């Protein structure tokens, strides 16, 4: 299905069918799937729709782009998005080019990438881009996790900022959320609100024993475990001082680099918080071992 001039969406069967590609003069293929598209031909499609096709019709490797991604709400589709959109953009600028974006069914992963492309190219909001693609291909339906990520993509001005605390917080929340949020709720909106509150009320956490070393800042803490007054604060990513203490181990203890007091622990396989939530990875600082200071 053509979405824009020279930009198409399809399922895997169409993308694997040389006759289909030839009929539409497709020159570039973007695969958004858990495995790359193989060279095997969709014989059923080829023979039933194109009995006279004799082939071959090959698309060179350099004109293919693979985005490894499962169609699950917690799959990180943003991680590969910048390179993917750049590939589509460059391909569409070539004379006579036609770009096909496909996934297994052609409704979720490929739709999410195409919506992101429209958002970045035309500076459209998510809703406008989504409605436009749906008007061209009514069955498009990105899973709710992809929609949440595209909301953040819009908030970050159509850029993927992997060092952004909001980016890391959203990925964490998607992993921890097992069911589709109720209508009207948005995990991304909540992440943005919490991030703004962290900036407005930024705190640093120092070792309670020596009060000289900053163990972490509130921006790097998983918000829910500070808000609920859990016994530990879990971090979104390791602080610089932690790397030397982890030293390649999968689990162990954290000590204050200044006074050597025991302050927390880590387990890359995960651990349970005092509130009952399972955290993966578990990078935790015991809140009884720290004092919080508001940054003016």
C-alpha atoms as a PDB file:
ATOM      1  CA  UNK A   1       0.000   0.000   0.000  1.00  0.00           C
ATOM      2  CA  UNK A   2       1.448   3.384  -1.036  1.00  0.00           C
ATOM      3  CA  UNK A   3       1.550   5.869   1.861  1.00  0.00           C
ATOM      4  CA  UNK A   4       3.541   8.655   0.242  1.00  0.00           C
ATOM      5  CA  UNK A   5       4.950   8.939  -3.266  1.00  0.00           C
ATOM      6  CA  UNK A   6       7.622   6.219  -3.419  1.00  0.00           C
ATOM      7  CA  UNK A   7       6.930   4.954   0.124  1.00  0.00           C
ATOM      8  CA  UNK A   8       5.004   1.733   0.720  1.00  0.00           C
ATOM      9  CA  UNK A   9       3.963  -0.569   3.598  1.00  0.00           C
ATOM     10  CA  UNK A  10       3.387  -4.297   3.288  1.00  0.00           C
ATOM     11  CA  UNK A  11       3.477  -7.621   5.069  1.00  0.00           C
ATOM     12  CA  UNK A  12       6.359 -10.120   4.888  1.00  0.00           C
ATOM     13  CA  UNK A  13       4.784 -12.241   2.121  1.00  0.00           C
ATOM     14  CA  UNK A  14       4.647  -9.285  -0.245  1.00  0.00           C
ATOM     15  CA  UNK A  15       8.209  -8.229   0.606  1.00  0.00           C
ATOM     16  CA  UNK A  16       9.480 -11.772  -0.025  1.00  0.00           C
ATOM     17  CA  UNK A  17       7.778 -12.051  -3.406  1.00  0.00           C
ATOM     18  CA  UNK A  18      10.034 -11.020  -6.309  1.00  0.00           C
ATOM     19  CA  UNK A  19       7.036 -10.711  -8.620  1.00  0.00           C
ATOM     20  CA  UNK A  20       5.312  -8.285  -6.238  1.00  0.00           C
ATOM     21  CA  UNK A  21       8.443  -6.196  -5.868  1.00  0.00           C
ATOM     22  CA  UNK A  22       8.948  -6.156  -9.609  1.00  0.00           C
ATOM     23  CA  UNK A  23       5.355  -5.162 -10.343  1.00  0.00           C
ATOM     24  CA  UNK A  24       5.663  -2.111  -8.078  1.00  0.00           C
ATOM     25  CA  UNK A  25       9.291  -1.395  -9.069  1.00  0.00           C
ATOM     26  CA  UNK A  26      10.452  -1.497  -5.421  1.00  0.00           C
ATOM     27  CA  UNK A  27      14.132  -0.549  -5.167  1.00  0.00           C
ATOM     28  CA  UNK A  28      14.716  -0.469  -1.373  1.00  0.00           C
ATOM     29  CA  UNK A  29      13.344  -2.639   1.435  1.00  0.00           C
ATOM     30  CA  UNK A  30      13.203  -1.926   5.173  1.00  0.00           C
ATOM     31  CA  UNK A  31      12.526  -5.014   7.289  1.00  0.00           C
ATOM     32  CA  UNK A  32      11.180  -4.414  10.815  1.00  0.00           C
ATOM     33  CA  UNK A  33      11.040  -7.922  12.219  1.00  0.00           C
ATOM     34  CA  UNK A  34      12.782 -10.340  14.582  1.00  0.00           C
ATOM     35  CA  UNK A  35      14.742 -11.914  11.698  1.00  0.00           C
ATOM     36  CA  UNK A  36      16.062 -10.437   8.432  1.00  0.00           C
ATOM     37  CA  UNK A  37      14.127 -11.100   5.269  1.00  0.00           C
ATOM     38  CA  UNK A  38      15.631 -14.122   3.527  1.00  0.00           C
ATOM     39  CA  UNK A  39      16.033 -14.609  -0.194  1.00  0.00           C
ATOM     40  CA  UNK A  40      13.418 -17.365  -0.183  1.00  0.00           C
ATOM     41  CA  UNK A  41      10.584 -16.596  -2.551  1.00  0.00           C
ATOM     42  CA  UNK A  42       6.910 -16.551  -1.644  1.00  0.00           C
ATOM     43  CA  UNK A  43       5.917 -19.109  -4.278  1.00  0.00           C
ATOM     44  CA  UNK A  44       2.242 -19.091  -3.327  1.00  0.00           C
ATOM     45  CA  UNK A  45       2.025 -15.347  -3.890  1.00  0.00           C
ATOM     46  CA  UNK A  46       4.155 -15.514  -7.009  1.00  0.00           C
ATOM     47  CA  UNK A  47       2.243 -18.312  -8.707  1.00  0.00           C
ATOM     48  CA  UNK A  48      -1.276 -17.260  -7.709  1.00  0.00           C
ATOM     49  CA  UNK A  49      -0.972 -13.571  -8.547  1.00  0.00           C
ATOM     50  CA  UNK A  50       1.800 -13.554 -11.130  1.00  0.00           C
ATOM     51  CA  UNK A  51       1.760 -16.850 -13.071  1.00  0.00           C
ATOM     52  CA  UNK A  52       3.646 -15.284 -15.962  1.00  0.00           C
ATOM     53  CA  UNK A  53       6.499 -13.858 -13.871  1.00  0.00           C
ATOM     54  CA  UNK A  54       9.802 -15.426 -14.850  1.00  0.00           C
ATOM     55  CA  UNK A  55      12.163 -13.317 -12.693  1.00  0.00           C
ATOM     56  CA  UNK A  56      14.624 -12.927 -11.251  1.00  0.00           C
ATOM     57  CA  UNK A  57      14.174  -9.643  -9.360  1.00  0.00           C
ATOM     58  CA  UNK A  58      16.857  -9.019  -6.762  1.00  0.00           C
ATOM     59  CA  UNK A  59      17.372  -6.062  -4.430  1.00  0.00           C
ATOM     60  CA  UNK A  60      21.041  -5.609  -3.455  1.00  0.00           C
ATOM     61  CA  UNK A  61      22.038  -5.899   0.198  1.00  0.00           C
ATOM     62  CA  UNK A  62      23.101  -2.247   0.319  1.00  0.00           C
ATOM     63  CA  UNK A  63      19.531  -1.289  -0.564  1.00  0.00           C
ATOM     64  CA  UNK A  64      18.078  -3.273   2.336  1.00  0.00           C
ATOM     65  CA  UNK A  65      17.860  -2.161   5.950  1.00  0.00           C
ATOM     66  CA  UNK A  66      17.074  -4.435   8.879  1.00  0.00           C
ATOM     67  CA  UNK A  67      15.531  -3.219  12.153  1.00  0.00           C
ATOM     68  CA  UNK A  68      15.526  -6.055  14.733  1.00  0.00           C
ATOM     69  CA  UNK A  69      12.290  -5.721  16.677  1.00  0.00           C
ATOM     70  CA  UNK A  70       9.599  -7.933  18.180  1.00  0.00           C
ATOM     71  CA  UNK A  71       5.968  -6.842  18.073  1.00  0.00           C
ATOM     72  CA  UNK A  72       5.658  -6.557  21.864  1.00  0.00           C
ATOM     73  CA  UNK A  73       4.777  -3.493  23.898  1.00  0.00           C
ATOM     74  CA  UNK A  74       8.170  -3.488  25.680  1.00  0.00           C
ATOM     75  CA  UNK A  75      10.264  -3.818  22.491  1.00  0.00           C
ATOM     76  CA  UNK A  76      12.499  -0.772  22.010  1.00  0.00           C
ATOM     77  CA  UNK A  77      11.658   0.429  18.514  1.00  0.00           C
ATOM     78  CA  UNK A  78      13.300   3.818  19.155  1.00  0.00           C
ATOM     79  CA  UNK A  79      16.800   2.333  19.443  1.00  0.00           C
ATOM     80  CA  UNK A  80      17.179   1.770  15.687  1.00  0.00           C
ATOM     81  CA  UNK A  81      14.823   4.521  14.559  1.00  0.00           C
ATOM     82  CA  UNK A  82      17.299   7.272  13.602  1.00  0.00           C
ATOM     83  CA  UNK A  83      19.344   5.048  11.255  1.00  0.00           C
ATOM     84  CA  UNK A  84      16.154   3.611   9.797  1.00  0.00           C
ATOM     85  CA  UNK A  85      14.574   6.993   9.060  1.00  0.00           C
ATOM     86  CA  UNK A  86      17.854   8.264   7.603  1.00  0.00           C
ATOM     87  CA  UNK A  87      17.937   5.216   5.302  1.00  0.00           C
ATOM     88  CA  UNK A  88      14.372   5.851   4.110  1.00  0.00           C
ATOM     89  CA  UNK A  89      15.065   9.545   3.623  1.00  0.00           C
ATOM     90  CA  UNK A  90      18.220   8.951   1.584  1.00  0.00           C
ATOM     91  CA  UNK A  91      16.579   6.217  -0.484  1.00  0.00           C
ATOM     92  CA  UNK A  92      13.550   8.335  -1.419  1.00  0.00           C
ATOM     93  CA  UNK A  93      15.881  11.070  -2.694  1.00  0.00           C
ATOM     94  CA  UNK A  94      17.408   8.725  -5.271  1.00  0.00           C
ATOM     95  CA  UNK A  95      16.025   9.018  -8.793  1.00  0.00           C
ATOM     96  CA  UNK A  96      13.439   6.369  -9.554  1.00  0.00           C
ATOM     97  CA  UNK A  97      13.506   4.871  -6.079  1.00  0.00           C
ATOM     98  CA  UNK A  98      10.584   3.213  -4.298  1.00  0.00           C
ATOM     99  CA  UNK A  99      10.925   2.210  -0.659  1.00  0.00           C
ATOM    100  CA  UNK A 100       8.993  -0.618   0.969  1.00  0.00           C
ATOM    101  CA  UNK A 101       8.703  -0.852   4.783  1.00  0.00           C
ATOM    102  CA  UNK A 102       7.420  -4.191   5.996  1.00  0.00           C
ATOM    103  CA  UNK A 103       6.978  -6.353   9.089  1.00  0.00           C
ATOM    104  CA  UNK A 104       5.191  -9.685   9.484  1.00  0.00           C
ATOM    105  CA  UNK A 105       1.594  -8.490   9.033  1.00  0.00           C
ATOM    106  CA  UNK A 106       2.167  -4.898   7.901  1.00  0.00           C
ATOM    107  CA  UNK A 107       0.108  -3.250  10.622  1.00  0.00           C
ATOM    108  CA  UNK A 108       2.198  -2.608  13.758  1.00  0.00           C
ATOM    109  CA  UNK A 109       5.989  -2.410  13.466  1.00  0.00           C
ATOM    110  CA  UNK A 110       6.129  -1.152   9.880  1.00  0.00           C
ATOM    111  CA  UNK A 111       3.320   1.291  10.664  1.00  0.00           C
ATOM    112  CA  UNK A 112       5.201   2.649  13.705  1.00  0.00           C
ATOM    113  CA  UNK A 113       8.318   3.290  11.603  1.00  0.00           C
ATOM    114  CA  UNK A 114       6.303   4.932   8.821  1.00  0.00           C
ATOM    115  CA  UNK A 115       4.410   7.120  11.294  1.00  0.00           C
ATOM    116  CA  UNK A 116       7.731   8.186  12.831  1.00  0.00           C
ATOM    117  CA  UNK A 117       9.029   9.010   9.352  1.00  0.00           C
ATOM    118  CA  UNK A 118       6.041  11.262   8.652  1.00  0.00           C
ATOM    119  CA  UNK A 119       6.391  12.912  12.060  1.00  0.00           C
ATOM    120  CA  UNK A 120      10.051  13.773  11.500  1.00  0.00           C
ATOM    121  CA  UNK A 121       9.757  14.663   7.809  1.00  0.00           C
ATOM    122  CA  UNK A 122       6.687  16.899   8.091  1.00  0.00           C
ATOM    123  CA  UNK A 123       7.020  17.928  11.764  1.00  0.00           C
ATOM    124  CA  UNK A 124       3.640  16.348  12.401  1.00  0.00           C
ATOM    125  CA  UNK A 125       2.199  15.398  15.748  1.00  0.00           C
ATOM    126  CA  UNK A 126       1.715  11.709  16.422  1.00  0.00           C
ATOM    127  CA  UNK A 127      -2.074  11.840  15.996  1.00  0.00           C
ATOM    128  CA  UNK A 128      -1.852  13.587  12.625  1.00  0.00           C
ATOM    129  CA  UNK A 129       0.733  11.146  11.273  1.00  0.00           C
ATOM    130  CA  UNK A 130      -1.182   8.140  12.622  1.00  0.00           C
ATOM    131  CA  UNK A 131      -4.459   9.282  11.064  1.00  0.00           C
ATOM    132  CA  UNK A 132      -2.756   9.958   7.724  1.00  0.00           C
ATOM    133  CA  UNK A 133      -1.232   6.471   7.529  1.00  0.00           C
ATOM    134  CA  UNK A 134      -4.536   4.912   8.622  1.00  0.00           C
ATOM    135  CA  UNK A 135      -6.360   6.796   5.864  1.00  0.00           C
ATOM    136  CA  UNK A 136      -4.078   5.082   3.348  1.00  0.00           C
ATOM    137  CA  UNK A 137      -4.021   1.660   5.025  1.00  0.00           C
ATOM    138  CA  UNK A 138      -6.988   1.217   7.397  1.00  0.00           C
ATOM    139  CA  UNK A 139      -5.618  -1.877   9.159  1.00  0.00           C
ATOM    140  CA  UNK A 140      -2.529  -0.150  10.614  1.00  0.00           C
ATOM    141  CA  UNK A 141      -2.452  -0.500  14.384  1.00  0.00           C
ATOM    142  CA  UNK A 142       0.896  -0.010  16.170  1.00  0.00           C
ATOM    143  CA  UNK A 143       0.893  -1.765  19.535  1.00  0.00           C
ATOM    144  CA  UNK A 144       0.364   0.514  22.536  1.00  0.00           C
ATOM    145  CA  UNK A 145       4.020   0.353  23.594  1.00  0.00           C
ATOM    146  CA  UNK A 146       5.108   1.718  20.218  1.00  0.00           C
ATOM    147  CA  UNK A 147       2.516   4.486  20.498  1.00  0.00           C
ATOM    148  CA  UNK A 148       3.938   5.466  23.899  1.00  0.00           C
ATOM    149  CA  UNK A 149       7.444   5.582  22.420  1.00  0.00           C
ATOM    150  CA  UNK A 150       6.252   7.728  19.518  1.00  0.00           C
ATOM    151  CA  UNK A 151       4.720  10.146  22.024  1.00  0.00           C
ATOM    152  CA  UNK A 152       8.156  10.551  23.566  1.00  0.00           C
ATOM    153  CA  UNK A 153       9.672  10.868  20.072  1.00  0.00           C
ATOM    154  CA  UNK A 154       7.364  13.827  19.498  1.00  0.00           C
ATOM    155  CA  UNK A 155       8.189  15.341  22.905  1.00  0.00           C
ATOM    156  CA  UNK A 156      11.927  15.097  22.163  1.00  0.00           C
ATOM    157  CA  UNK A 157      11.457  17.030  18.900  1.00  0.00           C
ATOM    158  CA  UNK A 158      11.605  13.960  16.677  1.00  0.00           C
ATOM    159  CA  UNK A 159      14.995  12.861  17.955  1.00  0.00           C
ATOM    160  CA  UNK A 160      16.041   9.694  19.764  1.00  0.00           C
ATOM    161  CA  UNK A 161      18.082  10.786  22.760  1.00  0.00           C
ATOM    162  CA  UNK A 162      19.302   7.549  24.332  1.00  0.00           C
ATOM    163  CA  UNK A 163      21.017   9.454  27.156  1.00  0.00           C
ATOM    164  CA  UNK A 164      17.752  11.162  28.056  1.00  0.00           C
ATOM    165  CA  UNK A 165      16.463  10.222  31.503  1.00  0.00           C
ATOM    166  CA  UNK A 166      12.918  10.271  30.092  1.00  0.00           C
ATOM    167  CA  UNK A 167      13.930   7.774  27.391  1.00  0.00           C
ATOM    168  CA  UNK A 168      15.392   5.386  29.969  1.00  0.00           C
ATOM    169  CA  UNK A 169      12.466   5.882  32.344  1.00  0.00           C
ATOM    170  CA  UNK A 170       9.912   5.106  29.622  1.00  0.00           C
ATOM    171  CA  UNK A 171      11.688   1.895  28.591  1.00  0.00           C
ATOM    172  CA  UNK A 172      11.759   0.839  32.244  1.00  0.00           C
ATOM    173  CA  UNK A 173       8.045   1.533  32.690  1.00  0.00           C
ATOM    174  CA  UNK A 174       7.163  -0.390  29.517  1.00  0.00           C
ATOM    175  CA  UNK A 175       9.073  -3.425  30.787  1.00  0.00           C
ATOM    176  CA  UNK A 176       7.292  -3.250  34.146  1.00  0.00           C
ATOM    177  CA  UNK A 177       3.790  -2.652  32.724  1.00  0.00           C
ATOM    178  CA  UNK A 178       2.160  -5.901  31.663  1.00  0.00           C
ATOM    179  CA  UNK A 179      -1.210  -4.691  30.419  1.00  0.00           C
ATOM    180  CA  UNK A 180      -2.450  -1.962  28.114  1.00  0.00           C
ATOM    181  CA  UNK A 181      -3.134   1.219  30.143  1.00  0.00           C
ATOM    182  CA  UNK A 182      -6.775   2.205  30.432  1.00  0.00           C
ATOM    183  CA  UNK A 183      -8.217   4.720  27.987  1.00  0.00           C
ATOM    184  CA  UNK A 184      -7.067   8.228  28.779  1.00  0.00           C
ATOM    185  CA  UNK A 185      -3.950   7.096  30.629  1.00  0.00           C
ATOM    186  CA  UNK A 186      -0.501   7.582  29.138  1.00  0.00           C
ATOM    187  CA  UNK A 187       2.717   6.165  30.545  1.00  0.00           C
ATOM    188  CA  UNK A 188       4.712   8.696  28.523  1.00  0.00           C
ATOM    189  CA  UNK A 189       2.738  11.662  29.864  1.00  0.00           C
ATOM    190  CA  UNK A 190       3.344  10.401  33.413  1.00  0.00           C
ATOM    191  CA  UNK A 191       7.074   9.967  32.712  1.00  0.00           C
ATOM    192  CA  UNK A 192       7.259  13.539  31.393  1.00  0.00           C
ATOM    193  CA  UNK A 193       5.385  14.894  34.436  1.00  0.00           C
ATOM    194  CA  UNK A 194       7.669  13.049  36.852  1.00  0.00           C
ATOM    195  CA  UNK A 195      10.760  14.245  34.994  1.00  0.00           C
ATOM    196  CA  UNK A 196       9.569  17.857  35.202  1.00  0.00           C
ATOM    197  CA  UNK A 197       8.938  17.439  38.919  1.00  0.00           C
ATOM    198  CA  UNK A 198      12.423  15.999  39.373  1.00  0.00           C
ATOM    199  CA  UNK A 199      13.895  19.043  37.658  1.00  0.00           C
ATOM    200  CA  UNK A 200      11.790  21.395  39.756  1.00  0.00           C
ATOM    201  CA  UNK A 201      12.695  19.551  42.963  1.00  0.00           C
ATOM    202  CA  UNK A 202      16.137  18.200  42.108  1.00  0.00           C
ATOM    203  CA  UNK A 203      17.808  16.367  44.954  1.00  0.00           C
ATOM    204  CA  UNK A 204      21.205  14.833  45.544  1.00  0.00           C
ATOM    205  CA  UNK A 205      21.682  11.841  47.815  1.00  0.00           C
ATOM    206  CA  UNK A 206      24.840  11.696  49.922  1.00  0.00           C
ATOM    207  CA  UNK A 207      26.249   8.910  52.043  1.00  0.00           C
ATOM    208  CA  UNK A 208      24.714   9.302  55.517  1.00  0.00           C
ATOM    209  CA  UNK A 209      27.900   8.225  57.295  1.00  0.00           C
ATOM    210  CA  UNK A 210      30.436  10.609  55.752  1.00  0.00           C
ATOM    211  CA  UNK A 211      28.032  13.107  54.110  1.00  0.00           C
ATOM    212  CA  UNK A 212      30.783  13.930  51.644  1.00  0.00           C
ATOM    213  CA  UNK A 213      30.099  11.729  48.639  1.00  0.00           C
ATOM    214  CA  UNK A 214      27.138  12.138  46.265  1.00  0.00           C
ATOM    215  CA  UNK A 215      25.885   8.621  45.561  1.00  0.00           C
ATOM    216  CA  UNK A 216      23.187   9.583  43.038  1.00  0.00           C
ATOM    217  CA  UNK A 217      20.845  12.363  41.900  1.00  0.00           C
ATOM    218  CA  UNK A 218      17.052  12.233  41.833  1.00  0.00           C
ATOM    219  CA  UNK A 219      17.006  12.340  38.002  1.00  0.00           C
ATOM    220  CA  UNK A 220      18.539   8.862  37.892  1.00  0.00           C
ATOM    221  CA  UNK A 221      16.075   7.318  40.330  1.00  0.00           C
ATOM    222  CA  UNK A 222      13.008   5.290  39.336  1.00  0.00           C
ATOM    223  CA  UNK A 223      10.318   7.752  40.422  1.00  0.00           C
ATOM    224  CA  UNK A 224       7.767   5.324  41.823  1.00  0.00           C
ATOM    225  CA  UNK A 225      10.176   3.966  44.419  1.00  0.00           C
ATOM    226  CA  UNK A 226      11.016   7.411  45.763  1.00  0.00           C
ATOM    227  CA  UNK A 227       7.361   8.488  45.763  1.00  0.00           C
ATOM    228  CA  UNK A 228       6.182   5.350  47.601  1.00  0.00           C
ATOM    229  CA  UNK A 229       8.848   5.644  50.300  1.00  0.00           C
ATOM    230  CA  UNK A 230      10.273   2.211  49.540  1.00  0.00           C
ATOM    231  CA  UNK A 231      13.269   1.086  51.570  1.00  0.00           C
ATOM    232  CA  UNK A 232      15.535   1.328  48.526  1.00  0.00           C
ATOM    233  CA  UNK A 233      15.906   3.667  45.588  1.00  0.00           C
ATOM    234  CA  UNK A 234      16.416   1.882  42.281  1.00  0.00           C
ATOM    235  CA  UNK A 235      18.470   3.605  39.607  1.00  0.00           C
ATOM    236  CA  UNK A 236      17.802   3.791  35.881  1.00  0.00           C
ATOM    237  CA  UNK A 237      21.483   3.314  35.072  1.00  0.00           C
ATOM    238  CA  UNK A 238      24.746   2.843  37.031  1.00  0.00           C
ATOM    239  CA  UNK A 239      26.452   5.926  38.427  1.00  0.00           C
ATOM    240  CA  UNK A 240      30.079   6.394  37.324  1.00  0.00           C
ATOM    241  CA  UNK A 241      31.470   5.272  40.688  1.00  0.00           C
ATOM    242  CA  UNK A 242      29.553   1.979  40.496  1.00  0.00           C
ATOM    243  CA  UNK A 243      31.357   0.532  37.479  1.00  0.00           C
ATOM    244  CA  UNK A 244      34.589  -0.131  39.345  1.00  0.00           C
ATOM    245  CA  UNK A 245      32.728  -1.911  42.141  1.00  0.00           C
ATOM    246  CA  UNK A 246      30.718  -4.103  39.761  1.00  0.00           C
ATOM    247  CA  UNK A 247      33.858  -5.111  37.844  1.00  0.00           C
ATOM    248  CA  UNK A 248      31.984  -7.408  35.473  1.00  0.00           C
ATOM    249  CA  UNK A 249      30.089  -9.264  38.221  1.00  0.00           C
ATOM    250  CA  UNK A 250      26.381  -9.962  37.819  1.00  0.00           C
ATOM    251  CA  UNK A 251      25.572  -9.248  41.480  1.00  0.00           C
ATOM    252  CA  UNK A 252      27.214  -7.805  44.557  1.00  0.00           C
ATOM    253  CA  UNK A 253      27.296  -4.953  47.071  1.00  0.00           C
ATOM    254  CA  UNK A 254      27.872  -1.216  46.763  1.00  0.00           C
ATOM    255  CA  UNK A 255      30.061   0.739  49.207  1.00  0.00           C
ATOM    256  CA  UNK A 256      30.529   4.489  49.528  1.00  0.00           C
ATOM    257  CA  UNK A 257      33.762   5.252  47.631  1.00  0.00           C
ATOM    258  CA  UNK A 258      34.711   7.789  50.322  1.00  0.00           C
ATOM    259  CA  UNK A 259      34.151   5.998  53.660  1.00  0.00           C
ATOM    260  CA  UNK A 260      33.543   2.404  52.446  1.00  0.00           C
ATOM    261  CA  UNK A 261      30.182   2.164  54.254  1.00  0.00           C
ATOM    262  CA  UNK A 262      27.787  -0.400  52.768  1.00  0.00           C
ATOM    263  CA  UNK A 263      25.099   1.518  50.880  1.00  0.00           C
ATOM    264  CA  UNK A 264      23.356  -0.866  48.480  1.00  0.00           C
ATOM    265  CA  UNK A 265      23.552  -3.748  46.060  1.00  0.00           C
ATOM    266  CA  UNK A 266      23.188  -4.745  42.423  1.00  0.00           C
ATOM    267  CA  UNK A 267      21.812  -7.727  40.564  1.00  0.00           C
ATOM    268  CA  UNK A 268      21.579  -7.655  36.789  1.00  0.00           C
ATOM    269  CA  UNK A 269      19.054 -10.522  36.870  1.00  0.00           C
ATOM    270  CA  UNK A 270      16.735  -8.445  39.046  1.00  0.00           C
ATOM    271  CA  UNK A 271      15.547  -8.230  42.641  1.00  0.00           C
ATOM    272  CA  UNK A 272      12.331  -7.489  44.513  1.00  0.00           C
ATOM    273  CA  UNK A 273      11.699  -4.086  46.047  1.00  0.00           C
ATOM    274  CA  UNK A 274      10.154  -3.788  49.514  1.00  0.00           C
ATOM    275  CA  UNK A 275       6.902  -2.714  47.783  1.00  0.00           C
ATOM    276  CA  UNK A 276       6.777  -6.063  45.991  1.00  0.00           C
ATOM    277  CA  UNK A 277       7.694  -4.862  42.484  1.00  0.00           C
ATOM    278  CA  UNK A 278      10.359  -6.867  40.666  1.00  0.00           C
ATOM    279  CA  UNK A 279      13.095  -4.625  39.258  1.00  0.00           C
ATOM    280  CA  UNK A 280      15.370  -5.638  36.371  1.00  0.00           C
ATOM    281  CA  UNK A 281      18.168  -4.750  36.532  1.00  0.00           C
ATOM    282  CA  UNK A 282      18.267  -4.051  40.265  1.00  0.00           C
ATOM    283  CA  UNK A 283      20.663  -1.191  41.000  1.00  0.00           C
ATOM    284  CA  UNK A 284      19.578  -0.173  44.474  1.00  0.00           C
ATOM    285  CA  UNK A 285      20.728   2.190  47.175  1.00  0.00           C
ATOM    286  CA  UNK A 286      19.307   1.647  50.669  1.00  0.00           C
ATOM    287  CA  UNK A 287      17.539   4.878  51.603  1.00  0.00           C
ATOM    288  CA  UNK A 288      18.454   4.401  55.261  1.00  0.00           C
ATOM    289  CA  UNK A 289      22.088   4.833  54.179  1.00  0.00           C
ATOM    290  CA  UNK A 290      21.658   8.208  52.481  1.00  0.00           C
ATOM    291  CA  UNK A 291      20.532  11.752  53.208  1.00  0.00           C
ATOM    292  CA  UNK A 292      18.675  13.821  50.601  1.00  0.00           C
ATOM    293  CA  UNK A 293      19.590  17.432  49.903  1.00  0.00           C
ATOM    294  CA  UNK A 294      17.469  19.755  47.794  1.00  0.00           C
ATOM    295  CA  UNK A 295      19.467  21.503  45.066  1.00  0.00           C
ATOM    296  CA  UNK A 296      18.725  25.209  45.015  1.00  0.00           C
END
